[in-house]
Amino acid sequence: SQRSGASCYYTSYSGTIPVEGKNGGKAAEISTLGWGEGNTFTDLGGEIKNKHAGMLFIGNHQYQNGTESIDRGHEFGSRPTKLKFDYKFKSINGEQFKAYVVLENRENGSVELGRGELISNADKNDFVEATVSIKYTNTNLKATHMYIVFISSIENSPSVEASKGGLGALDGYSDSRYVGNVLTIDNVELIYD
């Protein structure tokens, strides 16, 4: 957290952090978070400046001077039939997460060739396997790019709840925060049938 006055308070944590995976390796925990300078300690009826769903995706992200730009995808020349991954999920207020894959041809602009997605709000305390079939709507053009996106909530204004954390005043309440949906992803794999 960056400091907010004399104390850290919860102001900014990454929406995606590494955690222990299904088989002991690393997985990605993707959370909806309240963030921004000026957020105040959750136990004092705190204030949330911003809240957004966490995202994990192939591509580049920039946030400068209040402007966000996302360039999703990278060069990819084949056509998988499915996306497979393991996940755990904790929903707040029944909000849904979304996982999707898109294949495109970007030779003359951007033409979507195929897509597959999973949307769910079912809590999963342990890792479960998900398989998302990719439906191709254009088989004439070759694939040049692909992106895969995992997003913790599909709501425009997602819900968050106060989490006190374990660090007290002497540590600036630096682990207090506002957290919404939590999606954990592991073992992402493309399938070719």
N, C-alpha and C. Protein backbone atom coordinates (compact mmCIF):
# COMPACT_ATOMS: atom_id res chain seq x y z
N SER A 1 0.83 -1.19 0.00
CA SER A 1 0.00 0.00 0.00
C SER A 1 0.87 1.25 0.00
N GLN A 2 0.43 2.25 -0.71
CA GLN A 2 1.08 3.55 -0.58
C GLN A 2 0.50 4.24 0.64
N ARG A 3 1.23 5.17 1.21
CA ARG A 3 0.76 5.84 2.42
C ARG A 3 -0.39 6.79 2.13
N SER A 4 -1.30 6.87 3.09
CA SER A 4 -2.42 7.81 3.02
C SER A 4 -2.40 8.58 4.34
N GLY A 5 -1.60 9.64 4.40
CA GLY A 5 -1.41 10.35 5.66
C GLY A 5 -0.36 9.64 6.48
N ALA A 6 -0.60 9.50 7.78
CA ALA A 6 0.39 8.91 8.69
C ALA A 6 0.40 7.39 8.63
N SER A 7 -0.58 6.79 7.98
CA SER A 7 -0.70 5.34 7.98
C SER A 7 -0.85 4.83 6.55
N CYS A 8 -0.60 3.54 6.37
CA CYS A 8 -0.72 2.95 5.03
C CYS A 8 -2.17 2.90 4.58
N TYR A 9 -3.05 2.43 5.44
CA TYR A 9 -4.43 2.13 5.06
C TYR A 9 -4.43 1.34 3.75
N TYR A 10 -5.51 0.78 3.46
CA TYR A 10 -5.57 0.00 2.21
C TYR A 10 -5.81 0.96 1.06
N THR A 11 -4.84 1.10 0.18
CA THR A 11 -5.04 1.96 -0.97
C THR A 11 -4.81 1.25 -2.29
N SER A 12 -3.86 0.34 -2.33
CA SER A 12 -3.65 -0.33 -3.62
C SER A 12 -2.94 -1.66 -3.46
N TYR A 13 -3.59 -2.70 -3.90
CA TYR A 13 -3.00 -4.02 -4.03
C TYR A 13 -3.33 -4.49 -5.43
N SER A 14 -2.51 -5.34 -5.97
CA SER A 14 -2.78 -5.87 -7.29
C SER A 14 -4.04 -6.72 -7.25
N GLY A 15 -4.83 -6.64 -8.31
CA GLY A 15 -6.02 -7.48 -8.43
C GLY A 15 -5.69 -8.91 -8.78
N THR A 16 -4.44 -9.18 -9.16
CA THR A 16 -4.00 -10.54 -9.49
C THR A 16 -2.68 -10.81 -8.79
N ILE A 17 -2.67 -11.87 -7.97
CA ILE A 17 -1.46 -12.22 -7.23
C ILE A 17 -1.20 -13.72 -7.35
N PRO A 18 0.06 -14.16 -7.19
CA PRO A 18 0.35 -15.59 -7.20
C PRO A 18 -0.04 -16.23 -5.87
N VAL A 19 -0.65 -17.40 -5.93
CA VAL A 19 -1.01 -18.19 -4.75
C VAL A 19 -0.67 -19.65 -5.04
N GLU A 20 -0.83 -20.49 -4.02
CA GLU A 20 -0.55 -21.92 -4.22
C GLU A 20 -1.58 -22.53 -5.16
N GLY A 21 -1.10 -23.32 -6.12
CA GLY A 21 -1.96 -23.92 -7.12
C GLY A 21 -2.50 -25.27 -6.72
N LYS A 22 -3.18 -25.89 -7.63
CA LYS A 22 -3.85 -27.17 -7.41
C LYS A 22 -2.87 -28.27 -7.01
N ASN A 23 -1.72 -28.29 -7.65
CA ASN A 23 -0.74 -29.35 -7.39
C ASN A 23 0.50 -28.82 -6.70
N GLY A 24 0.37 -27.73 -5.94
CA GLY A 24 1.49 -27.20 -5.19
C GLY A 24 2.32 -26.14 -5.90
N GLY A 25 2.11 -25.97 -7.20
CA GLY A 25 2.82 -24.92 -7.93
C GLY A 25 2.14 -23.58 -7.70
N LYS A 26 2.27 -22.67 -8.65
CA LYS A 26 1.65 -21.35 -8.55
C LYS A 26 0.37 -21.28 -9.38
N ALA A 27 -0.60 -20.59 -8.84
CA ALA A 27 -1.85 -20.28 -9.54
C ALA A 27 -2.03 -18.77 -9.47
N ALA A 28 -3.00 -18.23 -10.20
CA ALA A 28 -3.29 -16.80 -10.20
C ALA A 28 -4.60 -16.55 -9.48
N GLU A 29 -4.56 -15.75 -8.42
CA GLU A 29 -5.76 -15.34 -7.71
C GLU A 29 -6.17 -13.96 -8.24
N ILE A 30 -7.37 -13.88 -8.79
CA ILE A 30 -7.86 -12.68 -9.46
C ILE A 30 -9.04 -12.16 -8.64
N SER A 31 -8.90 -10.96 -8.06
CA SER A 31 -9.91 -10.44 -7.14
C SER A 31 -10.48 -9.11 -7.59
N THR A 32 -11.75 -8.91 -7.27
CA THR A 32 -12.37 -7.60 -7.39
C THR A 32 -11.92 -6.81 -6.16
N LEU A 33 -11.42 -5.58 -6.38
CA LEU A 33 -10.87 -4.81 -5.27
C LEU A 33 -11.35 -3.36 -5.27
N GLY A 34 -11.43 -2.79 -4.08
CA GLY A 34 -11.52 -1.35 -3.93
C GLY A 34 -10.10 -0.82 -3.91
N TRP A 35 -9.84 0.29 -4.60
CA TRP A 35 -8.46 0.76 -4.70
C TRP A 35 -8.42 2.28 -4.85
N GLY A 36 -7.25 2.83 -4.70
CA GLY A 36 -7.03 4.24 -4.97
C GLY A 36 -6.63 5.03 -3.74
N GLU A 37 -5.78 6.01 -3.95
CA GLU A 37 -5.35 6.88 -2.87
C GLU A 37 -6.57 7.56 -2.26
N GLY A 38 -6.62 7.55 -0.93
CA GLY A 38 -7.77 8.14 -0.24
C GLY A 38 -8.71 7.10 0.33
N ASN A 39 -8.57 5.81 -0.04
CA ASN A 39 -9.34 4.79 0.64
C ASN A 39 -8.99 4.83 2.12
N THR A 40 -9.95 4.55 2.98
CA THR A 40 -9.69 4.61 4.41
C THR A 40 -9.95 3.27 5.07
N PHE A 41 -9.41 3.13 6.26
CA PHE A 41 -9.42 1.88 7.01
C PHE A 41 -10.84 1.30 7.11
N THR A 42 -10.94 0.04 6.81
CA THR A 42 -12.25 -0.61 6.72
C THR A 42 -13.03 -0.62 8.03
N ASP A 43 -12.36 -0.71 9.19
CA ASP A 43 -13.07 -0.77 10.47
C ASP A 43 -13.68 0.56 10.89
N LEU A 44 -13.31 1.63 10.25
CA LEU A 44 -13.83 2.94 10.62
C LEU A 44 -14.91 3.41 9.65
N GLY A 45 -15.60 2.46 9.04
CA GLY A 45 -16.64 2.81 8.07
C GLY A 45 -16.04 3.42 6.83
N GLY A 46 -14.91 2.87 6.42
CA GLY A 46 -14.05 3.41 5.38
C GLY A 46 -14.74 3.86 4.11
N GLU A 47 -13.95 4.50 3.31
CA GLU A 47 -14.41 5.05 2.04
C GLU A 47 -13.66 4.35 0.90
N ILE A 48 -14.38 4.00 -0.14
CA ILE A 48 -13.79 3.35 -1.30
C ILE A 48 -13.80 4.34 -2.45
N LYS A 49 -12.62 4.66 -2.97
CA LYS A 49 -12.53 5.62 -4.08
C LYS A 49 -12.90 4.97 -5.41
N ASN A 50 -12.42 3.76 -5.64
CA ASN A 50 -12.68 3.04 -6.90
C ASN A 50 -12.86 1.57 -6.58
N LYS A 51 -13.57 0.86 -7.45
CA LYS A 51 -13.65 -0.60 -7.33
C LYS A 51 -13.78 -1.17 -8.73
N HIS A 52 -12.99 -2.19 -8.98
CA HIS A 52 -12.98 -2.82 -10.30
C HIS A 52 -12.74 -4.31 -10.16
N ALA A 53 -13.22 -5.04 -11.14
CA ALA A 53 -12.93 -6.46 -11.22
C ALA A 53 -11.47 -6.66 -11.58
N GLY A 54 -10.87 -7.69 -11.02
CA GLY A 54 -9.52 -8.06 -11.39
C GLY A 54 -9.53 -8.80 -12.71
N MET A 55 -8.46 -8.66 -13.48
CA MET A 55 -8.36 -9.32 -14.79
C MET A 55 -6.99 -9.96 -14.94
N LEU A 56 -6.98 -11.07 -15.63
CA LEU A 56 -5.75 -11.70 -16.08
C LEU A 56 -5.95 -11.99 -17.55
N PHE A 57 -5.02 -11.51 -18.39
CA PHE A 57 -5.19 -11.72 -19.82
C PHE A 57 -3.85 -11.70 -20.52
N ILE A 58 -3.83 -12.23 -21.72
CA ILE A 58 -2.66 -12.16 -22.58
C ILE A 58 -2.70 -10.80 -23.26
N GLY A 59 -1.66 -10.01 -23.13
CA GLY A 59 -1.62 -8.71 -23.78
C GLY A 59 -0.94 -7.67 -22.92
N ASN A 60 -1.25 -6.40 -23.18
CA ASN A 60 -0.64 -5.29 -22.46
C ASN A 60 -1.71 -4.36 -21.89
N HIS A 61 -1.41 -3.82 -20.72
CA HIS A 61 -2.31 -2.90 -20.04
C HIS A 61 -1.54 -1.65 -19.64
N GLN A 62 -2.16 -0.48 -19.82
CA GLN A 62 -1.57 0.78 -19.38
C GLN A 62 -2.64 1.63 -18.74
N TYR A 63 -2.27 2.30 -17.65
CA TYR A 63 -3.16 3.25 -16.99
C TYR A 63 -2.34 4.49 -16.66
N GLN A 64 -2.56 5.56 -17.42
CA GLN A 64 -1.81 6.79 -17.22
C GLN A 64 -2.75 7.98 -17.27
N ASN A 65 -2.57 8.87 -16.31
CA ASN A 65 -3.34 10.11 -16.26
C ASN A 65 -4.84 9.87 -16.37
N GLY A 66 -5.33 8.82 -15.70
CA GLY A 66 -6.75 8.53 -15.69
C GLY A 66 -7.28 7.83 -16.93
N THR A 67 -6.38 7.46 -17.86
CA THR A 67 -6.80 6.79 -19.09
C THR A 67 -6.27 5.37 -19.11
N GLU A 68 -7.18 4.42 -19.36
CA GLU A 68 -6.80 3.01 -19.41
C GLU A 68 -6.80 2.54 -20.85
N SER A 69 -5.75 1.80 -21.21
CA SER A 69 -5.74 1.16 -22.54
C SER A 69 -5.34 -0.30 -22.37
N ILE A 70 -6.05 -1.16 -23.08
CA ILE A 70 -5.78 -2.59 -23.02
C ILE A 70 -5.59 -3.09 -24.44
N ASP A 71 -4.46 -3.72 -24.69
CA ASP A 71 -4.19 -4.37 -25.97
C ASP A 71 -4.18 -5.87 -25.70
N ARG A 72 -5.29 -6.52 -26.01
CA ARG A 72 -5.42 -7.94 -25.71
C ARG A 72 -4.84 -8.79 -26.83
N GLY A 73 -4.20 -9.87 -26.44
CA GLY A 73 -3.78 -10.87 -27.39
C GLY A 73 -2.33 -10.82 -27.79
N HIS A 74 -1.94 -11.85 -28.54
CA HIS A 74 -0.62 -11.91 -29.16
C HIS A 74 -0.73 -12.76 -30.41
N GLU A 75 0.32 -12.77 -31.19
CA GLU A 75 0.30 -13.55 -32.44
C GLU A 75 0.10 -15.02 -32.13
N PHE A 76 -0.78 -15.64 -32.91
CA PHE A 76 -1.11 -17.04 -32.69
C PHE A 76 -1.71 -17.57 -33.98
N GLY A 77 -1.13 -18.61 -34.55
CA GLY A 77 -1.52 -19.03 -35.89
C GLY A 77 -2.29 -20.33 -36.01
N SER A 78 -2.76 -20.92 -34.91
CA SER A 78 -3.52 -22.16 -35.04
C SER A 78 -4.92 -22.00 -34.48
N ARG A 79 -5.71 -23.08 -34.60
CA ARG A 79 -7.12 -23.04 -34.19
C ARG A 79 -7.41 -24.14 -33.17
N PRO A 80 -7.26 -23.85 -31.88
CA PRO A 80 -7.63 -24.85 -30.87
C PRO A 80 -9.15 -25.02 -30.85
N THR A 81 -9.61 -26.15 -30.33
CA THR A 81 -11.05 -26.41 -30.25
C THR A 81 -11.61 -26.11 -28.86
N LYS A 82 -10.73 -26.11 -27.84
CA LYS A 82 -11.20 -25.89 -26.48
C LYS A 82 -10.14 -25.19 -25.64
N LEU A 83 -10.60 -24.53 -24.60
CA LEU A 83 -9.76 -23.98 -23.55
C LEU A 83 -10.10 -24.75 -22.29
N LYS A 84 -9.06 -25.26 -21.60
CA LYS A 84 -9.28 -26.02 -20.38
C LYS A 84 -8.47 -25.37 -19.25
N PHE A 85 -9.05 -25.32 -18.05
CA PHE A 85 -8.35 -24.77 -16.89
C PHE A 85 -9.00 -25.28 -15.61
N ASP A 86 -8.28 -25.16 -14.50
CA ASP A 86 -8.80 -25.47 -13.18
C ASP A 86 -9.09 -24.15 -12.49
N TYR A 87 -10.14 -24.11 -11.67
CA TYR A 87 -10.46 -22.86 -10.98
C TYR A 87 -11.16 -23.10 -9.65
N LYS A 88 -11.03 -22.11 -8.76
CA LYS A 88 -11.82 -21.98 -7.54
C LYS A 88 -12.49 -20.62 -7.63
N PHE A 89 -13.64 -20.47 -6.94
CA PHE A 89 -14.35 -19.20 -7.04
C PHE A 89 -15.15 -18.92 -5.78
N LYS A 90 -15.10 -17.67 -5.32
CA LYS A 90 -15.93 -17.19 -4.22
C LYS A 90 -16.67 -15.96 -4.72
N SER A 91 -18.00 -16.03 -4.77
CA SER A 91 -18.84 -14.94 -5.26
C SER A 91 -19.32 -14.06 -4.12
N ILE A 92 -19.42 -12.78 -4.37
CA ILE A 92 -20.04 -11.82 -3.45
C ILE A 92 -21.35 -11.37 -4.09
N ASN A 93 -22.43 -11.44 -3.34
CA ASN A 93 -23.75 -11.01 -3.81
C ASN A 93 -24.19 -11.70 -5.11
N GLY A 94 -23.75 -12.93 -5.32
CA GLY A 94 -24.16 -13.69 -6.50
C GLY A 94 -23.56 -13.21 -7.80
N GLU A 95 -22.53 -12.36 -7.74
CA GLU A 95 -21.92 -11.85 -8.98
C GLU A 95 -21.18 -12.96 -9.72
N GLN A 96 -21.14 -12.85 -11.04
CA GLN A 96 -20.56 -13.85 -11.91
C GLN A 96 -19.14 -13.48 -12.33
N PHE A 97 -18.32 -14.50 -12.57
CA PHE A 97 -17.02 -14.30 -13.22
C PHE A 97 -17.15 -14.70 -14.68
N LYS A 98 -16.14 -14.36 -15.46
CA LYS A 98 -16.16 -14.72 -16.88
C LYS A 98 -14.76 -15.14 -17.30
N ALA A 99 -14.70 -16.21 -18.07
CA ALA A 99 -13.46 -16.67 -18.71
C ALA A 99 -13.76 -16.82 -20.19
N TYR A 100 -12.91 -16.26 -21.05
CA TYR A 100 -13.19 -16.41 -22.48
C TYR A 100 -11.91 -16.40 -23.30
N VAL A 101 -12.04 -16.97 -24.49
CA VAL A 101 -10.95 -17.04 -25.45
C VAL A 101 -11.48 -16.56 -26.79
N VAL A 102 -10.68 -15.77 -27.51
CA VAL A 102 -11.07 -15.24 -28.82
C VAL A 102 -9.91 -15.42 -29.78
N LEU A 103 -10.21 -15.93 -30.98
CA LEU A 103 -9.22 -16.00 -32.06
C LEU A 103 -9.61 -15.02 -33.14
N GLU A 104 -8.60 -14.33 -33.69
CA GLU A 104 -8.86 -13.27 -34.66
C GLU A 104 -7.90 -13.36 -35.84
N ASN A 105 -8.31 -12.69 -36.91
CA ASN A 105 -7.41 -12.39 -38.01
C ASN A 105 -7.24 -10.87 -38.01
N ARG A 106 -5.97 -10.41 -37.90
CA ARG A 106 -5.70 -8.97 -37.83
C ARG A 106 -4.88 -8.49 -39.03
N GLU A 107 -5.03 -9.16 -40.16
CA GLU A 107 -4.26 -8.77 -41.34
C GLU A 107 -4.76 -7.45 -41.92
N ASN A 108 -6.07 -7.26 -41.97
CA ASN A 108 -6.68 -6.02 -42.47
C ASN A 108 -7.75 -5.58 -41.49
N GLY A 109 -7.32 -5.03 -40.38
CA GLY A 109 -8.27 -4.73 -39.31
C GLY A 109 -8.35 -5.92 -38.38
N SER A 110 -9.45 -6.06 -37.68
CA SER A 110 -9.62 -7.15 -36.73
C SER A 110 -10.93 -7.88 -37.02
N VAL A 111 -10.82 -9.17 -37.38
CA VAL A 111 -11.99 -10.00 -37.68
C VAL A 111 -12.00 -11.17 -36.70
N GLU A 112 -13.08 -11.27 -35.91
CA GLU A 112 -13.19 -12.40 -34.99
C GLU A 112 -13.49 -13.67 -35.76
N LEU A 113 -12.70 -14.72 -35.48
CA LEU A 113 -12.88 -16.01 -36.15
C LEU A 113 -13.62 -17.01 -35.28
N GLY A 114 -13.34 -16.98 -33.99
CA GLY A 114 -13.96 -17.93 -33.08
C GLY A 114 -13.90 -17.43 -31.65
N ARG A 115 -14.81 -17.97 -30.82
CA ARG A 115 -14.91 -17.53 -29.43
C ARG A 115 -15.49 -18.65 -28.59
N GLY A 116 -15.07 -18.68 -27.34
CA GLY A 116 -15.66 -19.57 -26.34
C GLY A 116 -15.65 -18.86 -25.00
N GLU A 117 -16.68 -19.08 -24.18
CA GLU A 117 -16.71 -18.41 -22.88
C GLU A 117 -17.45 -19.22 -21.84
N LEU A 118 -17.10 -18.96 -20.60
CA LEU A 118 -17.75 -19.54 -19.44
C LEU A 118 -18.10 -18.39 -18.50
N ILE A 119 -19.37 -18.33 -18.08
CA ILE A 119 -19.83 -17.35 -17.10
C ILE A 119 -20.50 -18.15 -15.98
N SER A 120 -20.12 -17.86 -14.72
CA SER A 120 -20.69 -18.61 -13.61
C SER A 120 -20.63 -17.79 -12.32
N ASN A 121 -21.56 -18.08 -11.41
CA ASN A 121 -21.50 -17.50 -10.07
C ASN A 121 -21.50 -18.59 -9.01
N ALA A 122 -21.25 -19.83 -9.40
CA ALA A 122 -21.26 -20.96 -8.46
C ALA A 122 -19.96 -21.00 -7.66
N ASP A 123 -20.08 -20.93 -6.33
CA ASP A 123 -18.90 -21.01 -5.47
C ASP A 123 -18.25 -22.38 -5.61
N LYS A 124 -16.94 -22.39 -5.68
CA LYS A 124 -16.15 -23.63 -5.73
C LYS A 124 -15.02 -23.47 -4.74
N ASN A 125 -15.11 -24.19 -3.61
CA ASN A 125 -14.09 -24.08 -2.56
C ASN A 125 -12.81 -24.81 -2.91
N ASP A 126 -12.90 -25.83 -3.74
CA ASP A 126 -11.73 -26.59 -4.20
C ASP A 126 -11.64 -26.46 -5.71
N PHE A 127 -10.45 -26.68 -6.24
CA PHE A 127 -10.26 -26.58 -7.68
C PHE A 127 -11.15 -27.58 -8.42
N VAL A 128 -11.80 -27.10 -9.47
CA VAL A 128 -12.57 -27.94 -10.39
C VAL A 128 -12.08 -27.64 -11.80
N GLU A 129 -12.26 -28.60 -12.68
CA GLU A 129 -11.83 -28.44 -14.06
C GLU A 129 -12.97 -27.85 -14.90
N ALA A 130 -12.62 -26.92 -15.76
CA ALA A 130 -13.60 -26.34 -16.70
C ALA A 130 -13.07 -26.50 -18.11
N THR A 131 -13.96 -26.80 -19.03
CA THR A 131 -13.61 -26.89 -20.45
C THR A 131 -14.56 -25.98 -21.23
N VAL A 132 -13.99 -25.08 -22.01
CA VAL A 132 -14.76 -24.12 -22.80
C VAL A 132 -14.56 -24.44 -24.27
N SER A 133 -15.63 -24.80 -24.97
CA SER A 133 -15.54 -25.08 -26.41
C SER A 133 -15.47 -23.78 -27.19
N ILE A 134 -14.65 -23.78 -28.23
CA ILE A 134 -14.51 -22.61 -29.10
C ILE A 134 -15.34 -22.83 -30.34
N LYS A 135 -16.27 -21.91 -30.59
CA LYS A 135 -17.12 -21.99 -31.78
C LYS A 135 -16.57 -21.04 -32.83
N TYR A 136 -16.25 -21.58 -34.00
CA TYR A 136 -15.71 -20.77 -35.09
C TYR A 136 -16.84 -20.31 -36.00
N THR A 137 -16.89 -19.00 -36.24
CA THR A 137 -17.90 -18.43 -37.12
C THR A 137 -17.31 -18.02 -38.47
N ASN A 138 -15.98 -18.03 -38.57
CA ASN A 138 -15.29 -17.71 -39.82
C ASN A 138 -14.20 -18.74 -40.02
N THR A 139 -14.36 -19.57 -41.06
CA THR A 139 -13.35 -20.60 -41.34
C THR A 139 -12.56 -20.28 -42.61
N ASN A 140 -12.82 -19.12 -43.21
CA ASN A 140 -12.11 -18.74 -44.44
C ASN A 140 -10.77 -18.08 -44.17
N LEU A 141 -10.71 -17.24 -43.14
CA LEU A 141 -9.47 -16.53 -42.83
C LEU A 141 -8.62 -17.34 -41.87
N LYS A 142 -7.30 -17.17 -41.96
CA LYS A 142 -6.42 -17.87 -41.03
C LYS A 142 -6.33 -17.09 -39.73
N ALA A 143 -6.07 -17.80 -38.64
CA ALA A 143 -5.89 -17.15 -37.34
C ALA A 143 -4.53 -16.48 -37.30
N THR A 144 -4.50 -15.24 -36.80
CA THR A 144 -3.23 -14.53 -36.63
C THR A 144 -3.01 -14.13 -35.17
N HIS A 145 -4.08 -14.02 -34.37
CA HIS A 145 -3.96 -13.60 -32.99
C HIS A 145 -4.97 -14.33 -32.10
N MET A 146 -4.63 -14.41 -30.81
CA MET A 146 -5.53 -15.01 -29.83
C MET A 146 -5.41 -14.25 -28.53
N TYR A 147 -6.53 -14.14 -27.81
CA TYR A 147 -6.44 -13.68 -26.43
C TYR A 147 -7.34 -14.52 -25.54
N ILE A 148 -6.88 -14.68 -24.30
CA ILE A 148 -7.59 -15.39 -23.25
C ILE A 148 -7.75 -14.39 -22.11
N VAL A 149 -8.96 -14.29 -21.55
CA VAL A 149 -9.24 -13.33 -20.48
C VAL A 149 -9.97 -14.04 -19.35
N PHE A 150 -9.53 -13.77 -18.12
CA PHE A 150 -10.23 -14.18 -16.91
C PHE A 150 -10.56 -12.90 -16.15
N ILE A 151 -11.84 -12.70 -15.79
CA ILE A 151 -12.26 -11.50 -15.09
C ILE A 151 -13.12 -11.89 -13.88
N SER A 152 -12.81 -11.30 -12.72
CA SER A 152 -13.44 -11.76 -11.48
C SER A 152 -14.91 -11.41 -11.35
N SER A 153 -15.38 -10.34 -12.01
CA SER A 153 -16.80 -9.98 -11.97
C SER A 153 -17.18 -9.32 -13.29
N ILE A 154 -18.39 -9.61 -13.76
CA ILE A 154 -18.85 -8.98 -15.00
C ILE A 154 -19.72 -7.75 -14.74
N GLU A 155 -19.89 -7.36 -13.47
CA GLU A 155 -20.71 -6.20 -13.13
C GLU A 155 -19.98 -4.90 -13.46
N ASN A 156 -20.72 -3.88 -13.91
CA ASN A 156 -20.13 -2.56 -14.15
C ASN A 156 -19.68 -1.90 -12.85
N SER A 157 -20.41 -2.12 -11.79
CA SER A 157 -20.05 -1.60 -10.47
C SER A 157 -20.06 -2.78 -9.50
N PRO A 158 -18.96 -3.54 -9.44
CA PRO A 158 -18.96 -4.77 -8.65
C PRO A 158 -19.02 -4.50 -7.15
N SER A 159 -19.52 -5.48 -6.41
CA SER A 159 -19.62 -5.40 -4.96
C SER A 159 -18.27 -5.72 -4.33
N VAL A 160 -18.00 -5.07 -3.19
CA VAL A 160 -16.84 -5.40 -2.36
C VAL A 160 -17.28 -5.39 -0.91
N GLU A 161 -16.55 -6.14 -0.09
CA GLU A 161 -16.81 -6.17 1.35
C GLU A 161 -15.52 -5.81 2.08
N ALA A 162 -15.66 -5.18 3.24
CA ALA A 162 -14.51 -4.80 4.05
C ALA A 162 -13.85 -6.04 4.64
N SER A 163 -12.53 -6.09 4.58
CA SER A 163 -11.74 -7.14 5.20
C SER A 163 -10.72 -6.48 6.10
N LYS A 164 -10.83 -6.71 7.41
CA LYS A 164 -10.00 -6.02 8.39
C LYS A 164 -8.53 -6.38 8.26
N GLY A 165 -8.22 -7.63 7.97
CA GLY A 165 -6.82 -8.05 7.96
C GLY A 165 -6.32 -8.27 9.38
N GLY A 166 -5.06 -8.66 9.50
CA GLY A 166 -4.50 -8.99 10.81
C GLY A 166 -3.51 -7.98 11.34
N LEU A 167 -3.10 -7.00 10.52
CA LEU A 167 -2.11 -6.02 10.96
C LEU A 167 -2.82 -4.81 11.56
N GLY A 168 -2.45 -4.45 12.78
CA GLY A 168 -3.12 -3.37 13.49
C GLY A 168 -2.51 -2.01 13.23
N ALA A 169 -2.81 -1.08 14.18
CA ALA A 169 -2.42 0.33 14.03
C ALA A 169 -0.91 0.50 13.92
N LEU A 170 -0.14 -0.31 14.64
CA LEU A 170 1.31 -0.16 14.59
C LEU A 170 1.87 -0.48 13.21
N ASP A 171 1.16 -1.28 12.45
CA ASP A 171 1.56 -1.60 11.08
C ASP A 171 0.74 -0.82 10.06
N GLY A 172 0.04 0.20 10.51
CA GLY A 172 -0.71 1.07 9.60
C GLY A 172 -1.94 0.42 9.00
N TYR A 173 -2.46 -0.64 9.64
CA TYR A 173 -3.61 -1.36 9.09
C TYR A 173 -3.37 -1.71 7.62
N SER A 174 -2.14 -2.02 7.28
CA SER A 174 -1.76 -2.11 5.86
C SER A 174 -2.33 -3.30 5.13
N ASP A 175 -2.92 -4.26 5.83
CA ASP A 175 -3.55 -5.37 5.10
C ASP A 175 -5.08 -5.31 5.17
N SER A 176 -5.64 -4.20 5.64
CA SER A 176 -7.10 -4.04 5.53
C SER A 176 -7.40 -3.71 4.08
N ARG A 177 -8.56 -4.12 3.61
CA ARG A 177 -8.88 -3.89 2.20
C ARG A 177 -10.35 -4.14 1.93
N TYR A 178 -10.76 -3.85 0.71
CA TYR A 178 -12.11 -4.10 0.23
C TYR A 178 -12.01 -5.13 -0.88
N VAL A 179 -12.66 -6.30 -0.69
CA VAL A 179 -12.52 -7.41 -1.64
C VAL A 179 -13.91 -7.87 -2.06
N GLY A 180 -14.06 -8.18 -3.35
CA GLY A 180 -15.29 -8.75 -3.88
C GLY A 180 -15.06 -10.19 -4.31
N ASN A 181 -15.52 -10.54 -5.51
CA ASN A 181 -15.33 -11.89 -6.03
C ASN A 181 -13.84 -12.24 -6.06
N VAL A 182 -13.55 -13.52 -5.79
CA VAL A 182 -12.18 -14.02 -5.88
C VAL A 182 -12.19 -15.26 -6.77
N LEU A 183 -11.46 -15.18 -7.89
CA LEU A 183 -11.35 -16.26 -8.86
C LEU A 183 -9.89 -16.71 -8.90
N THR A 184 -9.66 -18.00 -8.71
CA THR A 184 -8.30 -18.54 -8.75
C THR A 184 -8.19 -19.49 -9.94
N ILE A 185 -7.19 -19.26 -10.78
CA ILE A 185 -7.01 -20.00 -12.04
C ILE A 185 -5.69 -20.75 -12.02
N ASP A 186 -5.71 -21.99 -12.52
CA ASP A 186 -4.50 -22.80 -12.61
C ASP A 186 -4.60 -23.72 -13.84
N ASN A 187 -3.47 -24.18 -14.31
CA ASN A 187 -3.37 -25.20 -15.37
C ASN A 187 -4.15 -24.84 -16.64
N VAL A 188 -3.92 -23.65 -17.17
CA VAL A 188 -4.58 -23.21 -18.40
C VAL A 188 -3.97 -23.95 -19.58
N GLU A 189 -4.83 -24.51 -20.44
CA GLU A 189 -4.36 -25.36 -21.53
C GLU A 189 -5.27 -25.22 -22.74
N LEU A 190 -4.68 -25.23 -23.92
CA LEU A 190 -5.47 -25.26 -25.16
C LEU A 190 -5.54 -26.70 -25.63
N ILE A 191 -6.73 -27.09 -26.11
CA ILE A 191 -6.97 -28.46 -26.56
C ILE A 191 -7.22 -28.45 -28.07
N TYR A 192 -6.64 -29.42 -28.75
CA TYR A 192 -6.84 -29.58 -30.20
C TYR A 192 -7.43 -30.96 -30.43
N ASP A 193 -8.67 -31.02 -30.96
CA ASP A 193 -9.33 -32.30 -31.27
C ASP A 193 -9.30 -32.54 -32.76
